[in-house]
Amino acid sequence: MSIQAINVRNQFRGKIKAIIDGPVVSEIDVETPAGIVTSVITTRSVKDLGLQIGSEVVALVKATEVSIAKI
C-alpha cells in the first residue's frame, strides 16, 4: 500500500536519530530541518514498520489544540 494523498498539513521529513524501546510504547526521535520531533508509538508499530536508527521517515503532526504560554 502506498499513500497517494493525506490531509495532515504539518509534515516533517527526516531520519530517525534515536529509539527508546519500552515494553508497550517507544519514543522515536526524528531529526528534521526544523529540529527534533519526538513521537511516542507502540513498540509493536516500531517492529511492524521496521523502524531503526537512520530510517528515512515523515513525521505527521495533527493536533486539535495547540496551547501558547507567555514567558
N, C-alpha and C. Protein backbone atom coordinates (compact mmCIF):
# COMPACT_ATOMS: atom_id res chain seq x y z
N MET A 1 0.85 -1.18 0.00
CA MET A 1 0.00 0.00 0.00
C MET A 1 0.89 1.24 0.00
N SER A 2 0.52 2.22 -0.79
CA SER A 2 1.23 3.49 -0.76
C SER A 2 0.22 4.62 -0.59
N ILE A 3 0.62 5.65 0.09
CA ILE A 3 -0.26 6.80 0.33
C ILE A 3 -0.19 7.72 -0.87
N GLN A 4 -1.34 8.06 -1.43
CA GLN A 4 -1.38 8.97 -2.57
C GLN A 4 -1.64 10.40 -2.14
N ALA A 5 -2.36 10.58 -1.04
CA ALA A 5 -2.65 11.92 -0.53
C ALA A 5 -3.02 11.80 0.94
N ILE A 6 -2.78 12.88 1.69
CA ILE A 6 -3.11 12.88 3.12
C ILE A 6 -3.50 14.30 3.51
N ASN A 7 -4.40 14.43 4.48
CA ASN A 7 -4.89 15.75 4.86
C ASN A 7 -4.06 16.42 5.95
N VAL A 8 -3.04 15.74 6.47
CA VAL A 8 -2.21 16.32 7.52
C VAL A 8 -1.25 17.31 6.89
N ARG A 9 -1.33 18.56 7.31
CA ARG A 9 -0.53 19.63 6.70
C ARG A 9 0.85 19.77 7.33
N ASN A 10 1.00 19.39 8.60
CA ASN A 10 2.28 19.53 9.28
C ASN A 10 3.08 18.25 9.08
N GLN A 11 3.96 18.27 8.09
CA GLN A 11 4.75 17.10 7.74
C GLN A 11 6.23 17.46 7.82
N PHE A 12 6.99 16.63 8.51
CA PHE A 12 8.41 16.89 8.70
C PHE A 12 9.19 15.66 8.25
N ARG A 13 9.88 15.79 7.13
CA ARG A 13 10.71 14.69 6.63
C ARG A 13 12.03 14.68 7.39
N GLY A 14 12.48 13.50 7.75
CA GLY A 14 13.74 13.41 8.47
C GLY A 14 14.21 11.98 8.62
N LYS A 15 15.24 11.81 9.45
CA LYS A 15 15.80 10.49 9.72
C LYS A 15 15.70 10.21 11.21
N ILE A 16 15.46 8.95 11.53
CA ILE A 16 15.38 8.55 12.93
C ILE A 16 16.77 8.67 13.55
N LYS A 17 16.82 9.45 14.64
CA LYS A 17 18.08 9.68 15.35
C LYS A 17 18.22 8.76 16.55
N ALA A 18 17.10 8.46 17.22
CA ALA A 18 17.14 7.61 18.42
C ALA A 18 15.81 6.89 18.58
N ILE A 19 15.91 5.69 19.16
CA ILE A 19 14.73 4.91 19.52
C ILE A 19 14.92 4.45 20.95
N ILE A 20 13.97 4.80 21.80
CA ILE A 20 13.99 4.34 23.19
C ILE A 20 12.86 3.34 23.33
N ASP A 21 13.24 2.05 23.33
CA ASP A 21 12.26 0.96 23.38
C ASP A 21 11.67 0.82 24.78
N GLY A 22 10.38 0.60 24.81
CA GLY A 22 9.69 0.27 26.05
C GLY A 22 8.91 -1.00 25.85
N PRO A 23 8.36 -1.57 26.92
CA PRO A 23 7.62 -2.83 26.78
C PRO A 23 6.32 -2.66 25.98
N VAL A 24 5.71 -1.47 26.05
CA VAL A 24 4.44 -1.25 25.36
C VAL A 24 4.56 -0.12 24.34
N VAL A 25 5.17 1.00 24.74
CA VAL A 25 5.36 2.13 23.83
C VAL A 25 6.84 2.47 23.75
N SER A 26 7.21 3.10 22.64
CA SER A 26 8.59 3.51 22.41
C SER A 26 8.61 4.96 21.97
N GLU A 27 9.72 5.66 22.26
CA GLU A 27 9.93 7.03 21.81
C GLU A 27 10.82 7.00 20.58
N ILE A 28 10.41 7.75 19.58
CA ILE A 28 11.17 7.85 18.34
C ILE A 28 11.56 9.31 18.15
N ASP A 29 12.87 9.60 18.09
CA ASP A 29 13.35 10.95 17.80
C ASP A 29 13.69 11.04 16.33
N VAL A 30 13.06 12.00 15.65
CA VAL A 30 13.29 12.20 14.22
C VAL A 30 14.00 13.53 14.04
N GLU A 31 15.16 13.50 13.40
CA GLU A 31 15.91 14.72 13.12
C GLU A 31 15.41 15.30 11.81
N THR A 32 14.87 16.53 11.87
CA THR A 32 14.33 17.21 10.70
C THR A 32 15.04 18.56 10.54
N PRO A 33 14.88 19.22 9.39
CA PRO A 33 15.47 20.54 9.23
C PRO A 33 14.92 21.55 10.26
N ALA A 34 13.72 21.30 10.78
CA ALA A 34 13.11 22.20 11.77
C ALA A 34 13.54 21.87 13.19
N GLY A 35 14.26 20.77 13.39
CA GLY A 35 14.67 20.34 14.72
C GLY A 35 14.22 18.91 14.97
N ILE A 36 14.35 18.49 16.22
CA ILE A 36 13.98 17.12 16.59
C ILE A 36 12.47 17.05 16.86
N VAL A 37 11.82 16.07 16.25
CA VAL A 37 10.41 15.77 16.51
C VAL A 37 10.38 14.41 17.19
N THR A 38 9.71 14.34 18.34
CA THR A 38 9.63 13.08 19.08
C THR A 38 8.22 12.53 19.00
N SER A 39 8.13 11.25 18.69
CA SER A 39 6.84 10.57 18.62
C SER A 39 6.84 9.42 19.60
N VAL A 40 5.70 9.20 20.24
CA VAL A 40 5.52 8.04 21.10
C VAL A 40 4.52 7.13 20.40
N ILE A 41 5.00 5.94 20.00
CA ILE A 41 4.15 4.98 19.30
C ILE A 41 4.32 3.62 19.96
N THR A 42 3.43 2.70 19.62
CA THR A 42 3.55 1.38 20.23
C THR A 42 4.83 0.69 19.76
N THR A 43 5.40 -0.10 20.64
CA THR A 43 6.59 -0.86 20.30
C THR A 43 6.28 -1.84 19.18
N ARG A 44 5.07 -2.34 19.16
CA ARG A 44 4.65 -3.23 18.07
C ARG A 44 4.72 -2.52 16.73
N SER A 45 4.30 -1.25 16.68
CA SER A 45 4.36 -0.48 15.43
C SER A 45 5.81 -0.26 14.99
N VAL A 46 6.70 -0.04 15.95
CA VAL A 46 8.12 0.12 15.62
C VAL A 46 8.61 -1.12 14.88
N LYS A 47 8.25 -2.28 15.40
CA LYS A 47 8.68 -3.55 14.79
C LYS A 47 7.97 -3.79 13.46
N ASP A 48 6.65 -3.54 13.41
CA ASP A 48 5.89 -3.77 12.18
C ASP A 48 6.38 -2.88 11.03
N LEU A 49 6.78 -1.64 11.35
CA LEU A 49 7.26 -0.71 10.33
C LEU A 49 8.74 -0.92 10.02
N GLY A 50 9.42 -1.72 10.81
CA GLY A 50 10.85 -1.96 10.59
C GLY A 50 11.69 -0.72 10.85
N LEU A 51 11.27 0.09 11.82
CA LEU A 51 11.98 1.34 12.10
C LEU A 51 13.30 1.06 12.80
N GLN A 52 14.32 1.79 12.40
CA GLN A 52 15.62 1.70 13.03
C GLN A 52 16.35 3.02 12.86
N ILE A 53 17.39 3.23 13.63
CA ILE A 53 18.15 4.46 13.53
C ILE A 53 18.65 4.61 12.09
N GLY A 54 18.45 5.81 11.54
CA GLY A 54 18.85 6.09 10.16
C GLY A 54 17.73 5.94 9.15
N SER A 55 16.60 5.31 9.54
CA SER A 55 15.47 5.17 8.62
C SER A 55 14.94 6.54 8.23
N GLU A 56 14.65 6.72 6.95
CA GLU A 56 14.02 7.96 6.49
C GLU A 56 12.52 7.84 6.70
N VAL A 57 11.94 8.85 7.35
CA VAL A 57 10.52 8.84 7.69
C VAL A 57 9.93 10.23 7.49
N VAL A 58 8.63 10.30 7.57
CA VAL A 58 7.92 11.57 7.61
C VAL A 58 7.11 11.60 8.90
N ALA A 59 7.35 12.61 9.73
CA ALA A 59 6.58 12.79 10.96
C ALA A 59 5.36 13.62 10.60
N LEU A 60 4.18 13.08 10.87
CA LEU A 60 2.92 13.76 10.56
C LEU A 60 2.32 14.24 11.87
N VAL A 61 2.06 15.54 11.96
CA VAL A 61 1.56 16.13 13.21
C VAL A 61 0.19 16.72 12.96
N LYS A 62 -0.79 16.23 13.70
CA LYS A 62 -2.14 16.77 13.63
C LYS A 62 -2.67 16.90 15.05
N ALA A 63 -2.98 18.09 15.44
CA ALA A 63 -3.44 18.33 16.80
C ALA A 63 -4.75 19.11 16.76
N THR A 64 -5.61 18.79 17.70
CA THR A 64 -6.86 19.55 17.79
C THR A 64 -6.67 20.82 18.59
N GLU A 65 -5.56 20.91 19.32
CA GLU A 65 -5.31 22.10 20.13
C GLU A 65 -3.81 22.33 20.26
N VAL A 66 -3.40 23.56 20.08
CA VAL A 66 -2.03 23.96 20.33
C VAL A 66 -2.08 25.12 21.31
N SER A 67 -1.47 24.95 22.47
CA SER A 67 -1.50 25.97 23.52
C SER A 67 -0.24 26.82 23.46
N ILE A 68 -0.39 28.08 23.80
CA ILE A 68 0.73 29.02 23.86
C ILE A 68 0.77 29.61 25.27
N ALA A 69 1.97 29.64 25.86
CA ALA A 69 2.14 30.26 27.18
C ALA A 69 3.15 31.39 27.05
N LYS A 70 2.83 32.53 27.59
CA LYS A 70 3.74 33.67 27.57
C LYS A 70 4.76 33.49 28.69
N ILE A 71 6.05 33.71 28.36
CA ILE A 71 7.08 33.57 29.38
C ILE A 71 7.77 34.90 29.63
